[in-house]
Amino acid sequence: MTLYIDPPTWPGHGRLWSHLVSDVSFEELHTFAAVIGCPPRAFERDHYDVPEAYYADAVRAGAREIGSKELVRRLTAAGLRRPKGRAAPG
């Protein structure tokens, strides 16, 4: 299981956010997100938006800290990237 999280640098709704992704599957991502308490509504196309307050929990649970550009590169290489405007497979 390899999950990745970028630093909480993305502003929105009065807080900072990280992105949590898997390079294996969305099933793995959903399972991990549930373990750290991220609600299903935090899932957006190919990642979870994780508030700064959950960042340390995600890392303690096993998410690897990487930069935002590397996170997108790994997500794309895994074939799991779903840019805005592109329908989800299936």
Protein backbone atom coordinates (compact mmCIF):
# COMPACT_ATOMS: atom_id res chain seq x y z
CA MET A 1 0.00 0.00 0.00
CA THR A 2 1.48 3.33 -1.05
CA LEU A 3 -0.40 6.51 -0.39
CA TYR A 4 1.03 9.97 -0.95
CA ILE A 5 0.20 13.35 0.54
CA ASP A 6 1.49 16.78 -0.40
CA PRO A 7 2.06 19.60 2.11
CA PRO A 8 -1.00 21.55 3.30
CA THR A 9 -0.40 24.64 1.16
CA TRP A 10 -3.65 24.89 -0.81
CA PRO A 11 -5.97 27.59 0.65
CA GLY A 12 -9.73 27.19 0.72
CA HIS A 13 -12.65 27.78 3.05
CA GLY A 14 -10.43 29.51 5.62
CA ARG A 15 -7.90 26.68 5.97
CA LEU A 16 -5.03 24.97 4.21
CA TRP A 17 -5.40 21.66 2.39
CA SER A 18 -3.33 18.72 1.18
CA HIS A 19 -4.07 16.17 -1.52
CA LEU A 20 -4.05 12.46 -0.74
CA VAL A 21 -3.58 9.97 -3.59
CA SER A 22 -2.83 6.31 -4.23
CA ASP A 23 -0.59 4.98 -6.97
CA VAL A 24 -2.34 1.60 -6.83
CA SER A 25 -6.14 2.04 -6.89
CA PHE A 26 -9.07 4.17 -5.87
CA GLU A 27 -10.22 1.32 -3.62
CA GLU A 28 -6.96 1.58 -1.67
CA LEU A 29 -7.35 5.37 -1.51
CA HIS A 30 -10.95 5.19 -0.22
CA THR A 31 -10.01 2.61 2.42
CA PHE A 32 -7.09 4.68 3.70
CA ALA A 33 -9.12 7.89 3.72
CA ALA A 34 -11.80 6.21 5.84
CA VAL A 35 -9.15 5.02 8.31
CA ILE A 36 -7.91 8.58 8.90
CA GLY A 37 -11.44 9.99 9.10
CA CYS A 38 -11.80 11.70 5.72
CA PRO A 39 -15.45 11.72 4.68
CA PRO A 40 -16.41 10.46 1.21
CA ARG A 41 -17.42 14.00 0.22
CA ALA A 42 -13.71 15.00 0.41
CA PHE A 43 -13.00 12.83 -2.67
CA GLU A 44 -12.56 14.87 -5.84
CA ARG A 45 -12.07 12.96 -9.12
CA ASP A 46 -8.73 11.30 -8.25
CA HIS A 47 -7.72 12.53 -4.78
CA TYR A 48 -8.96 13.45 -1.34
CA ASP A 49 -8.76 17.02 -0.13
CA VAL A 50 -7.32 16.68 3.37
CA PRO A 51 -7.47 19.60 5.82
CA GLU A 52 -4.24 20.61 7.51
CA ALA A 53 -5.56 19.26 10.83
CA TYR A 54 -5.58 15.69 9.37
CA TYR A 55 -2.13 15.89 7.74
CA ALA A 56 -0.17 14.45 10.68
CA ASP A 57 -2.74 11.66 11.09
CA ALA A 58 -2.31 10.69 7.43
CA VAL A 59 1.48 10.60 7.76
CA ARG A 60 1.31 8.57 11.00
CA ALA A 61 -1.03 6.12 9.26
CA GLY A 62 1.53 5.60 6.50
CA ALA A 63 1.04 8.24 3.79
CA ARG A 64 4.37 9.31 2.30
CA GLU A 65 5.07 13.02 2.23
CA ILE A 66 5.99 14.29 -1.25
CA GLY A 67 5.78 17.57 -3.14
CA SER A 68 2.75 18.51 -5.19
CA LYS A 69 4.45 18.10 -8.58
CA GLU A 70 5.76 14.65 -7.63
CA LEU A 71 2.30 13.68 -6.37
CA VAL A 72 0.74 14.54 -9.75
CA ARG A 73 3.56 12.75 -11.59
CA ARG A 74 3.00 9.53 -9.62
CA LEU A 75 -0.76 9.72 -10.00
CA THR A 76 -0.40 10.20 -13.75
CA ALA A 77 2.18 7.40 -14.09
CA ALA A 78 -0.22 5.05 -12.28
CA GLY A 79 -2.95 5.85 -14.82
CA LEU A 80 -5.22 7.22 -12.08
CA ARG A 81 -5.14 10.93 -12.99
CA ARG A 82 -8.58 12.37 -13.79
CA PRO A 83 -8.17 16.02 -14.80
CA LYS A 84 -11.13 18.39 -14.60
CA GLY A 85 -13.42 18.04 -17.58
CA ARG A 86 -12.64 14.38 -18.15
CA ALA A 87 -15.29 11.83 -17.25
CA ALA A 88 -14.46 9.07 -14.83
CA PRO A 89 -13.87 5.67 -16.46
CA GLY A 90 -16.76 3.23 -16.44
